[in-house]
Amino acid sequence: LREPGRFLHIYLFKKFPTYDYVSFFV
């Protein structure tokens, strides 16, 4: 991307009811 550091992509690995993981753009 032209601005690779503008947002962060952060992962959360734990036992969720449906997902194998959830991640966030912050």
mmCIF file of all heavy atoms, coordinates in Angstrom:
data_MODEL
# 
_entry.id   MODEL 
# 
loop_
_atom_site.group_PDB 
_atom_site.id 
_atom_site.type_symbol 
_atom_site.label_atom_id 
_atom_site.label_alt_id 
_atom_site.label_comp_id 
_atom_site.label_asym_id 
_atom_site.label_entity_id 
_atom_site.label_seq_id 
_atom_site.pdbx_PDB_ins_code 
_atom_site.Cartn_x 
_atom_site.Cartn_y 
_atom_site.Cartn_z 
_atom_site.occupancy 
_atom_site.B_iso_or_equiv 
_atom_site.pdbx_formal_charge 
_atom_site.auth_seq_id 
_atom_site.auth_comp_id 
_atom_site.auth_asym_id 
_atom_site.auth_atom_id 
_atom_site.pdbx_PDB_model_num 
ATOM 1   N N   . LEU A 1 1  ? 0.830   -1.204  0.000  1.00 0.00 ? 1  LEU A N   1 
ATOM 2   C CA  . LEU A 1 1  ? 0.000   0.000   0.000  1.00 0.00 ? 1  LEU A CA  1 
ATOM 3   C C   . LEU A 1 1  ? 0.863   1.251   0.000  1.00 0.00 ? 1  LEU A C   1 
ATOM 4   O O   . LEU A 1 1  ? 2.025   1.226   0.384  1.00 0.00 ? 1  LEU A O   1 
ATOM 5   C CB  . LEU A 1 1  ? -0.907  0.008   1.232  1.00 0.00 ? 1  LEU A CB  1 
ATOM 6   C CG  . LEU A 1 1  ? -1.903  -1.146  1.374  1.00 0.00 ? 1  LEU A CG  1 
ATOM 7   C CD1 . LEU A 1 1  ? -2.725  -0.974  2.654  1.00 0.00 ? 1  LEU A CD1 1 
ATOM 8   C CD2 . LEU A 1 1  ? -2.828  -1.233  0.171  1.00 0.00 ? 1  LEU A CD2 1 
ATOM 9   N N   . ARG A 1 2  ? 0.280   2.342   -0.414 1.00 0.00 ? 2  ARG A N   1 
ATOM 10  C CA  . ARG A 1 2  ? 1.023   3.605   -0.432 1.00 0.00 ? 2  ARG A CA  1 
ATOM 11  C C   . ARG A 1 2  ? 1.284   4.145   0.968  1.00 0.00 ? 2  ARG A C   1 
ATOM 12  O O   . ARG A 1 2  ? 2.243   4.880   1.189  1.00 0.00 ? 2  ARG A O   1 
ATOM 13  C CB  . ARG A 1 2  ? 0.260   4.639   -1.263 1.00 0.00 ? 2  ARG A CB  1 
ATOM 14  C CG  . ARG A 1 2  ? 0.208   4.283   -2.753 1.00 0.00 ? 2  ARG A CG  1 
ATOM 15  C CD  . ARG A 1 2  ? -0.384  5.396   -3.579 1.00 0.00 ? 2  ARG A CD  1 
ATOM 16  N NE  . ARG A 1 2  ? -0.402  5.051   -5.000 1.00 0.00 ? 2  ARG A NE  1 
ATOM 17  C CZ  . ARG A 1 2  ? -0.832  5.850   -5.968 1.00 0.00 ? 2  ARG A CZ  1 
ATOM 18  N NH1 . ARG A 1 2  ? -1.285  7.061   -5.659 1.00 0.00 ? 2  ARG A NH1 1 
ATOM 19  N NH2 . ARG A 1 2  ? -0.813  5.463   -7.229 1.00 0.00 ? 2  ARG A NH2 1 
ATOM 20  N N   . GLU A 1 3  ? 0.398   3.827   1.907  1.00 0.00 ? 3  GLU A N   1 
ATOM 21  C CA  . GLU A 1 3  ? 0.579   4.242   3.301  1.00 0.00 ? 3  GLU A CA  1 
ATOM 22  C C   . GLU A 1 3  ? 0.478   3.005   4.210  1.00 0.00 ? 3  GLU A C   1 
ATOM 23  O O   . GLU A 1 3  ? -0.500  2.849   4.938  1.00 0.00 ? 3  GLU A O   1 
ATOM 24  C CB  . GLU A 1 3  ? -0.483  5.256   3.705  1.00 0.00 ? 3  GLU A CB  1 
ATOM 25  C CG  . GLU A 1 3  ? -0.457  6.555   2.921  1.00 0.00 ? 3  GLU A CG  1 
ATOM 26  C CD  . GLU A 1 3  ? -1.546  7.501   3.389  1.00 0.00 ? 3  GLU A CD  1 
ATOM 27  O OE1 . GLU A 1 3  ? -1.304  8.245   4.366  1.00 0.00 ? 3  GLU A OE1 1 
ATOM 28  O OE2 . GLU A 1 3  ? -2.644  7.477   2.805  1.00 0.00 ? 3  GLU A OE2 1 
ATOM 29  N N   . PRO A 1 4  ? 1.467   2.132   4.172  1.00 0.00 ? 4  PRO A N   1 
ATOM 30  C CA  . PRO A 1 4  ? 1.358   0.855   4.899  1.00 0.00 ? 4  PRO A CA  1 
ATOM 31  C C   . PRO A 1 4  ? 1.188   0.994   6.406  1.00 0.00 ? 4  PRO A C   1 
ATOM 32  O O   . PRO A 1 4  ? 0.665   0.101   7.056  1.00 0.00 ? 4  PRO A O   1 
ATOM 33  C CB  . PRO A 1 4  ? 2.662   0.143   4.550  1.00 0.00 ? 4  PRO A CB  1 
ATOM 34  C CG  . PRO A 1 4  ? 3.591   1.222   4.128  1.00 0.00 ? 4  PRO A CG  1 
ATOM 35  C CD  . PRO A 1 4  ? 2.751   2.259   3.467  1.00 0.00 ? 4  PRO A CD  1 
ATOM 36  N N   . GLY A 1 5  ? 1.615   2.092   6.990  1.00 0.00 ? 5  GLY A N   1 
ATOM 37  C CA  . GLY A 1 5  ? 1.552   2.239   8.438  1.00 0.00 ? 5  GLY A CA  1 
ATOM 38  C C   . GLY A 1 5  ? 0.404   3.085   8.939  1.00 0.00 ? 5  GLY A C   1 
ATOM 39  O O   . GLY A 1 5  ? 0.344   3.397   10.130 1.00 0.00 ? 5  GLY A O   1 
ATOM 40  N N   . ARG A 1 6  ? -0.514  3.451   8.064  1.00 0.00 ? 6  ARG A N   1 
ATOM 41  C CA  . ARG A 1 6  ? -1.602  4.346   8.485  1.00 0.00 ? 6  ARG A CA  1 
ATOM 42  C C   . ARG A 1 6  ? -2.502  3.689   9.535  1.00 0.00 ? 6  ARG A C   1 
ATOM 43  O O   . ARG A 1 6  ? -2.915  4.322   10.506 1.00 0.00 ? 6  ARG A O   1 
ATOM 44  C CB  . ARG A 1 6  ? -2.438  4.774   7.280  1.00 0.00 ? 6  ARG A CB  1 
ATOM 45  C CG  . ARG A 1 6  ? -3.558  5.731   7.640  1.00 0.00 ? 6  ARG A CG  1 
ATOM 46  C CD  . ARG A 1 6  ? -4.366  6.129   6.419  1.00 0.00 ? 6  ARG A CD  1 
ATOM 47  N NE  . ARG A 1 6  ? -5.516  6.929   6.811  1.00 0.00 ? 6  ARG A NE  1 
ATOM 48  C CZ  . ARG A 1 6  ? -6.499  7.280   5.987  1.00 0.00 ? 6  ARG A CZ  1 
ATOM 49  N NH1 . ARG A 1 6  ? -6.459  6.906   4.715  1.00 0.00 ? 6  ARG A NH1 1 
ATOM 50  N NH2 . ARG A 1 6  ? -7.514  7.998   6.420  1.00 0.00 ? 6  ARG A NH2 1 
ATOM 51  N N   . PHE A 1 7  ? -2.840  2.419   9.336  1.00 0.00 ? 7  PHE A N   1 
ATOM 52  C CA  . PHE A 1 7  ? -3.630  1.663   10.306 1.00 0.00 ? 7  PHE A CA  1 
ATOM 53  C C   . PHE A 1 7  ? -2.848  0.410   10.714 1.00 0.00 ? 7  PHE A C   1 
ATOM 54  O O   . PHE A 1 7  ? -1.952  -0.034  9.997  1.00 0.00 ? 7  PHE A O   1 
ATOM 55  C CB  . PHE A 1 7  ? -4.981  1.252   9.721  1.00 0.00 ? 7  PHE A CB  1 
ATOM 56  C CG  . PHE A 1 7  ? -5.888  2.403   9.378  1.00 0.00 ? 7  PHE A CG  1 
ATOM 57  C CD1 . PHE A 1 7  ? -6.041  2.809   8.064  1.00 0.00 ? 7  PHE A CD1 1 
ATOM 58  C CD2 . PHE A 1 7  ? -6.576  3.086   10.371 1.00 0.00 ? 7  PHE A CD2 1 
ATOM 59  C CE1 . PHE A 1 7  ? -6.868  3.871   7.742  1.00 0.00 ? 7  PHE A CE1 1 
ATOM 60  C CE2 . PHE A 1 7  ? -7.402  4.150   10.061 1.00 0.00 ? 7  PHE A CE2 1 
ATOM 61  C CZ  . PHE A 1 7  ? -7.554  4.548   8.741  1.00 0.00 ? 7  PHE A CZ  1 
ATOM 62  N N   . LEU A 1 8  ? -3.222  -0.150  11.845 1.00 0.00 ? 8  LEU A N   1 
ATOM 63  C CA  . LEU A 1 8  ? -2.624  -1.396  12.313 1.00 0.00 ? 8  LEU A CA  1 
ATOM 64  C C   . LEU A 1 8  ? -3.630  -2.526  12.132 1.00 0.00 ? 8  LEU A C   1 
ATOM 65  O O   . LEU A 1 8  ? -4.836  -2.324  12.268 1.00 0.00 ? 8  LEU A O   1 
ATOM 66  C CB  . LEU A 1 8  ? -2.254  -1.295  13.793 1.00 0.00 ? 8  LEU A CB  1 
ATOM 67  C CG  . LEU A 1 8  ? -1.337  -0.144  14.193 1.00 0.00 ? 8  LEU A CG  1 
ATOM 68  C CD1 . LEU A 1 8  ? -1.110  -0.180  15.700 1.00 0.00 ? 8  LEU A CD1 1 
ATOM 69  C CD2 . LEU A 1 8  ? -0.027  -0.193  13.442 1.00 0.00 ? 8  LEU A CD2 1 
ATOM 70  N N   . HIS A 1 9  ? -3.123  -3.736  11.820 1.00 0.00 ? 9  HIS A N   1 
ATOM 71  C CA  . HIS A 1 9  ? -3.974  -4.922  11.728 1.00 0.00 ? 9  HIS A CA  1 
ATOM 72  C C   . HIS A 1 9  ? -3.515  -5.873  12.823 1.00 0.00 ? 9  HIS A C   1 
ATOM 73  O O   . HIS A 1 9  ? -2.432  -6.441  12.757 1.00 0.00 ? 9  HIS A O   1 
ATOM 74  C CB  . HIS A 1 9  ? -3.844  -5.560  10.341 1.00 0.00 ? 9  HIS A CB  1 
ATOM 75  C CG  . HIS A 1 9  ? -4.865  -6.620  10.093 1.00 0.00 ? 9  HIS A CG  1 
ATOM 76  N ND1 . HIS A 1 9  ? -4.821  -7.440  8.983  1.00 0.00 ? 9  HIS A ND1 1 
ATOM 77  C CD2 . HIS A 1 9  ? -5.966  -7.015  10.802 1.00 0.00 ? 9  HIS A CD2 1 
ATOM 78  C CE1 . HIS A 1 9  ? -5.853  -8.274  9.014  1.00 0.00 ? 9  HIS A CE1 1 
ATOM 79  N NE2 . HIS A 1 9  ? -6.554  -8.038  10.103 1.00 0.00 ? 9  HIS A NE2 1 
ATOM 80  N N   . ILE A 1 10 ? -4.343  -6.029  13.836 1.00 0.00 ? 10 ILE A N   1 
ATOM 81  C CA  . ILE A 1 10 ? -3.981  -6.754  15.051 1.00 0.00 ? 10 ILE A CA  1 
ATOM 82  C C   . ILE A 1 10 ? -4.864  -7.993  15.194 1.00 0.00 ? 10 ILE A C   1 
ATOM 83  O O   . ILE A 1 10 ? -6.084  -7.917  15.020 1.00 0.00 ? 10 ILE A O   1 
ATOM 84  C CB  . ILE A 1 10 ? -4.151  -5.861  16.298 1.00 0.00 ? 10 ILE A CB  1 
ATOM 85  C CG1 . ILE A 1 10 ? -3.390  -4.537  16.114 1.00 0.00 ? 10 ILE A CG1 1 
ATOM 86  C CG2 . ILE A 1 10 ? -3.682  -6.595  17.547 1.00 0.00 ? 10 ILE A CG2 1 
ATOM 87  C CD1 . ILE A 1 10 ? -1.897  -4.677  15.910 1.00 0.00 ? 10 ILE A CD1 1 
ATOM 88  N N   . TYR A 1 11 ? -4.245  -9.133  15.539 1.00 0.00 ? 11 TYR A N   1 
ATOM 89  C CA  . TYR A 1 11 ? -4.944  -10.416 15.624 1.00 0.00 ? 11 TYR A CA  1 
ATOM 90  C C   . TYR A 1 11 ? -5.177  -10.823 17.077 1.00 0.00 ? 11 TYR A C   1 
ATOM 91  O O   . TYR A 1 11 ? -4.345  -10.572 17.950 1.00 0.00 ? 11 TYR A O   1 
ATOM 92  C CB  . TYR A 1 11 ? -4.139  -11.511 14.929 1.00 0.00 ? 11 TYR A CB  1 
ATOM 93  C CG  . TYR A 1 11 ? -4.064  -11.360 13.426 1.00 0.00 ? 11 TYR A CG  1 
ATOM 94  C CD1 . TYR A 1 11 ? -3.190  -10.452 12.836 1.00 0.00 ? 11 TYR A CD1 1 
ATOM 95  C CD2 . TYR A 1 11 ? -4.868  -12.131 12.589 1.00 0.00 ? 11 TYR A CD2 1 
ATOM 96  C CE1 . TYR A 1 11 ? -3.125  -10.308 11.455 1.00 0.00 ? 11 TYR A CE1 1 
ATOM 97  C CE2 . TYR A 1 11 ? -4.804  -12.005 11.207 1.00 0.00 ? 11 TYR A CE2 1 
ATOM 98  C CZ  . TYR A 1 11 ? -3.934  -11.083 10.652 1.00 0.00 ? 11 TYR A CZ  1 
ATOM 99  O OH  . TYR A 1 11 ? -3.873  -10.943 9.293  1.00 0.00 ? 11 TYR A OH  1 
ATOM 100 N N   . LEU A 1 12 ? -6.308  -11.489 17.290 1.00 0.00 ? 12 LEU A N   1 
ATOM 101 C CA  . LEU A 1 12 ? -6.615  -12.065 18.593 1.00 0.00 ? 12 LEU A CA  1 
ATOM 102 C C   . LEU A 1 12 ? -6.985  -13.533 18.389 1.00 0.00 ? 12 LEU A C   1 
ATOM 103 O O   . LEU A 1 12 ? -8.021  -13.856 17.805 1.00 0.00 ? 12 LEU A O   1 
ATOM 104 C CB  . LEU A 1 12 ? -7.776  -11.318 19.254 1.00 0.00 ? 12 LEU A CB  1 
ATOM 105 C CG  . LEU A 1 12 ? -8.214  -11.811 20.638 1.00 0.00 ? 12 LEU A CG  1 
ATOM 106 C CD1 . LEU A 1 12 ? -7.040  -11.779 21.618 1.00 0.00 ? 12 LEU A CD1 1 
ATOM 107 C CD2 . LEU A 1 12 ? -9.374  -10.969 21.161 1.00 0.00 ? 12 LEU A CD2 1 
ATOM 108 N N   . PHE A 1 13 ? -6.104  -14.427 18.852 1.00 0.00 ? 13 PHE A N   1 
ATOM 109 C CA  . PHE A 1 13 ? -6.315  -15.865 18.710 1.00 0.00 ? 13 PHE A CA  1 
ATOM 110 C C   . PHE A 1 13 ? -6.799  -16.431 20.048 1.00 0.00 ? 13 PHE A C   1 
ATOM 111 O O   . PHE A 1 13 ? -6.071  -16.411 21.039 1.00 0.00 ? 13 PHE A O   1 
ATOM 112 C CB  . PHE A 1 13 ? -5.032  -16.570 18.283 1.00 0.00 ? 13 PHE A CB  1 
ATOM 113 C CG  . PHE A 1 13 ? -4.556  -16.190 16.913 1.00 0.00 ? 13 PHE A CG  1 
ATOM 114 C CD1 . PHE A 1 13 ? -3.630  -15.169 16.743 1.00 0.00 ? 13 PHE A CD1 1 
ATOM 115 C CD2 . PHE A 1 13 ? -5.043  -16.838 15.790 1.00 0.00 ? 13 PHE A CD2 1 
ATOM 116 C CE1 . PHE A 1 13 ? -3.191  -14.815 15.479 1.00 0.00 ? 13 PHE A CE1 1 
ATOM 117 C CE2 . PHE A 1 13 ? -4.614  -16.484 14.521 1.00 0.00 ? 13 PHE A CE2 1 
ATOM 118 C CZ  . PHE A 1 13 ? -3.683  -15.474 14.364 1.00 0.00 ? 13 PHE A CZ  1 
ATOM 119 N N   . LYS A 1 14 ? -8.023  -16.903 20.072 1.00 0.00 ? 14 LYS A N   1 
ATOM 120 C CA  . LYS A 1 14 ? -8.582  -17.545 21.250 1.00 0.00 ? 14 LYS A CA  1 
ATOM 121 C C   . LYS A 1 14 ? -9.776  -18.380 20.795 1.00 0.00 ? 14 LYS A C   1 
ATOM 122 O O   . LYS A 1 14 ? -10.145 -18.361 19.617 1.00 0.00 ? 14 LYS A O   1 
ATOM 123 C CB  . LYS A 1 14 ? -9.011  -16.515 22.297 1.00 0.00 ? 14 LYS A CB  1 
ATOM 124 C CG  . LYS A 1 14 ? -10.067 -15.532 21.816 1.00 0.00 ? 14 LYS A CG  1 
ATOM 125 C CD  . LYS A 1 14 ? -10.461 -14.539 22.889 1.00 0.00 ? 14 LYS A CD  1 
ATOM 126 C CE  . LYS A 1 14 ? -11.215 -15.201 24.017 1.00 0.00 ? 14 LYS A CE  1 
ATOM 127 N NZ  . LYS A 1 14 ? -11.726 -14.222 25.000 1.00 0.00 ? 14 LYS A NZ  1 
ATOM 128 N N   . LYS A 1 15 ? -10.377 -19.110 21.702 1.00 0.00 ? 15 LYS A N   1 
ATOM 129 C CA  . LYS A 1 15 ? -11.505 -19.958 21.354 1.00 0.00 ? 15 LYS A CA  1 
ATOM 130 C C   . LYS A 1 15 ? -12.772 -19.126 21.304 1.00 0.00 ? 15 LYS A C   1 
ATOM 131 O O   . LYS A 1 15 ? -13.341 -18.761 22.329 1.00 0.00 ? 15 LYS A O   1 
ATOM 132 C CB  . LYS A 1 15 ? -11.645 -21.101 22.357 1.00 0.00 ? 15 LYS A CB  1 
ATOM 133 C CG  . LYS A 1 15 ? -12.704 -22.120 21.974 1.00 0.00 ? 15 LYS A CG  1 
ATOM 134 C CD  . LYS A 1 15 ? -12.755 -23.277 22.948 1.00 0.00 ? 15 LYS A CD  1 
ATOM 135 C CE  . LYS A 1 15 ? -13.797 -24.302 22.522 1.00 0.00 ? 15 LYS A CE  1 
ATOM 136 N NZ  . LYS A 1 15 ? -13.855 -25.446 23.480 1.00 0.00 ? 15 LYS A NZ  1 
ATOM 137 N N   . PHE A 1 16 ? -13.235 -18.831 20.087 1.00 0.00 ? 16 PHE A N   1 
ATOM 138 C CA  . PHE A 1 16 ? -14.485 -18.115 19.884 1.00 0.00 ? 16 PHE A CA  1 
ATOM 139 C C   . PHE A 1 16 ? -15.586 -19.103 19.509 1.00 0.00 ? 16 PHE A C   1 
ATOM 140 O O   . PHE A 1 16 ? -15.309 -20.201 19.029 1.00 0.00 ? 16 PHE A O   1 
ATOM 141 C CB  . PHE A 1 16 ? -14.330 -17.080 18.774 1.00 0.00 ? 16 PHE A CB  1 
ATOM 142 C CG  . PHE A 1 16 ? -13.441 -15.920 19.126 1.00 0.00 ? 16 PHE A CG  1 
ATOM 143 C CD1 . PHE A 1 16 ? -12.172 -15.801 18.571 1.00 0.00 ? 16 PHE A CD1 1 
ATOM 144 C CD2 . PHE A 1 16 ? -13.877 -14.938 19.993 1.00 0.00 ? 16 PHE A CD2 1 
ATOM 145 C CE1 . PHE A 1 16 ? -11.351 -14.734 18.889 1.00 0.00 ? 16 PHE A CE1 1 
ATOM 146 C CE2 . PHE A 1 16 ? -13.057 -13.862 20.325 1.00 0.00 ? 16 PHE A CE2 1 
ATOM 147 C CZ  . PHE A 1 16 ? -11.798 -13.764 19.767 1.00 0.00 ? 16 PHE A CZ  1 
ATOM 148 N N   . PRO A 1 17 ? -16.846 -18.716 19.700 1.00 0.00 ? 17 PRO A N   1 
ATOM 149 C CA  . PRO A 1 17 ? -17.946 -19.619 19.333 1.00 0.00 ? 17 PRO A CA  1 
ATOM 150 C C   . PRO A 1 17 ? -17.954 -20.019 17.866 1.00 0.00 ? 17 PRO A C   1 
ATOM 151 O O   . PRO A 1 17 ? -18.310 -21.149 17.530 1.00 0.00 ? 17 PRO A O   1 
ATOM 152 C CB  . PRO A 1 17 ? -19.196 -18.808 19.688 1.00 0.00 ? 17 PRO A CB  1 
ATOM 153 C CG  . PRO A 1 17 ? -18.754 -17.892 20.776 1.00 0.00 ? 17 PRO A CG  1 
ATOM 154 C CD  . PRO A 1 17 ? -17.331 -17.537 20.421 1.00 0.00 ? 17 PRO A CD  1 
ATOM 155 N N   . THR A 1 18 ? -17.550 -19.105 16.982 1.00 0.00 ? 18 THR A N   1 
ATOM 156 C CA  . THR A 1 18 ? -17.641 -19.384 15.544 1.00 0.00 ? 18 THR A CA  1 
ATOM 157 C C   . THR A 1 18 ? -16.308 -19.287 14.830 1.00 0.00 ? 18 THR A C   1 
ATOM 158 O O   . THR A 1 18 ? -15.974 -20.121 14.003 1.00 0.00 ? 18 THR A O   1 
ATOM 159 C CB  . THR A 1 18 ? -18.633 -18.415 14.886 1.00 0.00 ? 18 THR A CB  1 
ATOM 160 O OG1 . THR A 1 18 ? -19.933 -18.627 15.434 1.00 0.00 ? 18 THR A OG1 1 
ATOM 161 C CG2 . THR A 1 18 ? -18.704 -18.632 13.373 1.00 0.00 ? 18 THR A CG2 1 
ATOM 162 N N   . TYR A 1 19 ? -15.532 -18.278 15.138 1.00 0.00 ? 19 TYR A N   1 
ATOM 163 C CA  . TYR A 1 19 ? -14.334 -17.975 14.369 1.00 0.00 ? 19 TYR A CA  1 
ATOM 164 C C   . TYR A 1 19 ? -13.108 -18.703 14.892 1.00 0.00 ? 19 TYR A C   1 
ATOM 165 O O   . TYR A 1 19 ? -12.982 -18.959 16.092 1.00 0.00 ? 19 TYR A O   1 
ATOM 166 C CB  . TYR A 1 19 ? -14.045 -16.472 14.393 1.00 0.00 ? 19 TYR A CB  1 
ATOM 167 C CG  . TYR A 1 19 ? -15.153 -15.630 13.846 1.00 0.00 ? 19 TYR A CG  1 
ATOM 168 C CD1 . TYR A 1 19 ? -16.064 -15.016 14.698 1.00 0.00 ? 19 TYR A CD1 1 
ATOM 169 C CD2 . TYR A 1 19 ? -15.304 -15.435 12.475 1.00 0.00 ? 19 TYR A CD2 1 
ATOM 170 C CE1 . TYR A 1 19 ? -17.088 -14.232 14.198 1.00 0.00 ? 19 TYR A CE1 1 
ATOM 171 C CE2 . TYR A 1 19 ? -16.323 -14.655 11.975 1.00 0.00 ? 19 TYR A CE2 1 
ATOM 172 C CZ  . TYR A 1 19 ? -17.210 -14.059 12.846 1.00 0.00 ? 19 TYR A CZ  1 
ATOM 173 O OH  . TYR A 1 19 ? -18.225 -13.288 12.361 1.00 0.00 ? 19 TYR A OH  1 
ATOM 174 N N   . ASP A 1 20 ? -12.170 -18.964 13.991 1.00 0.00 ? 20 ASP A N   1 
ATOM 175 C CA  . ASP A 1 20 ? -10.867 -19.478 14.396 1.00 0.00 ? 20 ASP A CA  1 
ATOM 176 C C   . ASP A 1 20 ? -10.006 -18.357 14.967 1.00 0.00 ? 20 ASP A C   1 
ATOM 177 O O   . ASP A 1 20 ? -9.128  -18.596 15.787 1.00 0.00 ? 20 ASP A O   1 
ATOM 178 C CB  . ASP A 1 20 ? -10.157 -20.128 13.204 1.00 0.00 ? 20 ASP A CB  1 
ATOM 179 C CG  . ASP A 1 20 ? -10.922 -21.336 12.691 1.00 0.00 ? 20 ASP A CG  1 
ATOM 180 O OD1 . ASP A 1 20 ? -11.309 -22.173 13.519 1.00 0.00 ? 20 ASP A OD1 1 
ATOM 181 O OD2 . ASP A 1 20 ? -11.148 -21.434 11.475 1.00 0.00 ? 20 ASP A OD2 1 
ATOM 182 N N   . TYR A 1 21 ? -10.231 -17.156 14.517 1.00 0.00 ? 21 TYR A N   1 
ATOM 183 C CA  . TYR A 1 21 ? -9.594  -15.970 15.095 1.00 0.00 ? 21 TYR A CA  1 
ATOM 184 C C   . TYR A 1 21 ? -10.413 -14.745 14.715 1.00 0.00 ? 21 TYR A C   1 
ATOM 185 O O   . TYR A 1 21 ? -11.252 -14.779 13.811 1.00 0.00 ? 21 TYR A O   1 
ATOM 186 C CB  . TYR A 1 21 ? -8.137  -15.805 14.619 1.00 0.00 ? 21 TYR A CB  1 
ATOM 187 C CG  . TYR A 1 21 ? -7.997  -15.365 13.182 1.00 0.00 ? 21 TYR A CG  1 
ATOM 188 C CD1 . TYR A 1 21 ? -8.078  -14.021 12.830 1.00 0.00 ? 21 TYR A CD1 1 
ATOM 189 C CD2 . TYR A 1 21 ? -7.769  -16.295 12.166 1.00 0.00 ? 21 TYR A CD2 1 
ATOM 190 C CE1 . TYR A 1 21 ? -7.951  -13.618 11.509 1.00 0.00 ? 21 TYR A CE1 1 
ATOM 191 C CE2 . TYR A 1 21 ? -7.645  -15.900 10.852 1.00 0.00 ? 21 TYR A CE2 1 
ATOM 192 C CZ  . TYR A 1 21 ? -7.732  -14.558 10.527 1.00 0.00 ? 21 TYR A CZ  1 
ATOM 193 O OH  . TYR A 1 21 ? -7.619  -14.160 9.223  1.00 0.00 ? 21 TYR A OH  1 
ATOM 194 N N   . VAL A 1 22 ? -10.158 -13.651 15.417 1.00 0.00 ? 22 VAL A N   1 
ATOM 195 C CA  . VAL A 1 22 ? -10.728 -12.348 15.074 1.00 0.00 ? 22 VAL A CA  1 
ATOM 196 C C   . VAL A 1 22 ? -9.577  -11.366 14.972 1.00 0.00 ? 22 VAL A C   1 
ATOM 197 O O   . VAL A 1 22 ? -8.620  -11.427 15.747 1.00 0.00 ? 22 VAL A O   1 
ATOM 198 C CB  . VAL A 1 22 ? -11.742 -11.878 16.139 1.00 0.00 ? 22 VAL A CB  1 
ATOM 199 C CG1 . VAL A 1 22 ? -12.211 -10.454 15.850 1.00 0.00 ? 22 VAL A CG1 1 
ATOM 200 C CG2 . VAL A 1 22 ? -12.937 -12.820 16.190 1.00 0.00 ? 22 VAL A CG2 1 
ATOM 201 N N   . SER A 1 23 ? -9.633  -10.470 14.000 1.00 0.00 ? 23 SER A N   1 
ATOM 202 C CA  . SER A 1 23 ? -8.603  -9.442  13.875 1.00 0.00 ? 23 SER A CA  1 
ATOM 203 C C   . SER A 1 23 ? -9.261  -8.076  13.711 1.00 0.00 ? 23 SER A C   1 
ATOM 204 O O   . SER A 1 23 ? -10.450 -7.974  13.413 1.00 0.00 ? 23 SER A O   1 
ATOM 205 C CB  . SER A 1 23 ? -7.664  -9.735  12.706 1.00 0.00 ? 23 SER A CB  1 
ATOM 206 O OG  . SER A 1 23 ? -8.344  -9.658  11.459 1.00 0.00 ? 23 SER A OG  1 
ATOM 207 N N   . PHE A 1 24 ? -8.440  -7.038  13.913 1.00 0.00 ? 24 PHE A N   1 
ATOM 208 C CA  . PHE A 1 24 ? -8.963  -5.675  13.979 1.00 0.00 ? 24 PHE A CA  1 
ATOM 209 C C   . PHE A 1 24 ? -8.080  -4.720  13.184 1.00 0.00 ? 24 PHE A C   1 
ATOM 210 O O   . PHE A 1 24 ? -6.851  -4.799  13.238 1.00 0.00 ? 24 PHE A O   1 
ATOM 211 C CB  . PHE A 1 24 ? -8.994  -5.194  15.435 1.00 0.00 ? 24 PHE A CB  1 
ATOM 212 C CG  . PHE A 1 24 ? -9.627  -6.164  16.382 1.00 0.00 ? 24 PHE A CG  1 
ATOM 213 C CD1 . PHE A 1 24 ? -8.852  -7.139  17.009 1.00 0.00 ? 24 PHE A CD1 1 
ATOM 214 C CD2 . PHE A 1 24 ? -10.977 -6.120  16.641 1.00 0.00 ? 24 PHE A CD2 1 
ATOM 215 C CE1 . PHE A 1 24 ? -9.421  -8.049  17.886 1.00 0.00 ? 24 PHE A CE1 1 
ATOM 216 C CE2 . PHE A 1 24 ? -11.562 -7.031  17.514 1.00 0.00 ? 24 PHE A CE2 1 
ATOM 217 C CZ  . PHE A 1 24 ? -10.785 -7.987  18.133 1.00 0.00 ? 24 PHE A CZ  1 
ATOM 218 N N   . PHE A 1 25 ? -8.706  -3.821  12.460 1.00 0.00 ? 25 PHE A N   1 
ATOM 219 C CA  . PHE A 1 25 ? -8.013  -2.684  11.870 1.00 0.00 ? 25 PHE A CA  1 
ATOM 220 C C   . PHE A 1 25 ? -8.234  -1.505  12.806 1.00 0.00 ? 25 PHE A C   1 
ATOM 221 O O   . PHE A 1 25 ? -9.379  -1.138  13.102 1.00 0.00 ? 25 PHE A O   1 
ATOM 222 C CB  . PHE A 1 25 ? -8.559  -2.369  10.478 1.00 0.00 ? 25 PHE A CB  1 
ATOM 223 C CG  . PHE A 1 25 ? -8.277  -3.438  9.465  1.00 0.00 ? 25 PHE A CG  1 
ATOM 224 C CD1 . PHE A 1 25 ? -9.194  -4.432  9.210  1.00 0.00 ? 25 PHE A CD1 1 
ATOM 225 C CD2 . PHE A 1 25 ? -7.069  -3.448  8.775  1.00 0.00 ? 25 PHE A CD2 1 
ATOM 226 C CE1 . PHE A 1 25 ? -8.935  -5.426  8.276  1.00 0.00 ? 25 PHE A CE1 1 
ATOM 227 C CE2 . PHE A 1 25 ? -6.793  -4.437  7.841  1.00 0.00 ? 25 PHE A CE2 1 
ATOM 228 C CZ  . PHE A 1 25 ? -7.731  -5.430  7.600  1.00 0.00 ? 25 PHE A CZ  1 
ATOM 229 N N   . VAL A 1 26 ? -7.144  -0.924  13.289 1.00 0.00 ? 26 VAL A N   1 
ATOM 230 C CA  . VAL A 1 26 ? -7.265  0.128   14.302 1.00 0.00 ? 26 VAL A CA  1 
ATOM 231 C C   . VAL A 1 26 ? -6.415  1.337   13.934 1.00 0.00 ? 26 VAL A C   1 
ATOM 232 O O   . VAL A 1 26 ? -5.404  1.238   13.227 1.00 0.00 ? 26 VAL A O   1 
ATOM 233 C CB  . VAL A 1 26 ? -6.845  -0.378  15.705 1.00 0.00 ? 26 VAL A CB  1 
ATOM 234 C CG1 . VAL A 1 26 ? -7.714  -1.536  16.142 1.00 0.00 ? 26 VAL A CG1 1 
ATOM 235 C CG2 . VAL A 1 26 ? -5.376  -0.781  15.735 1.00 0.00 ? 26 VAL A CG2 1 
# 
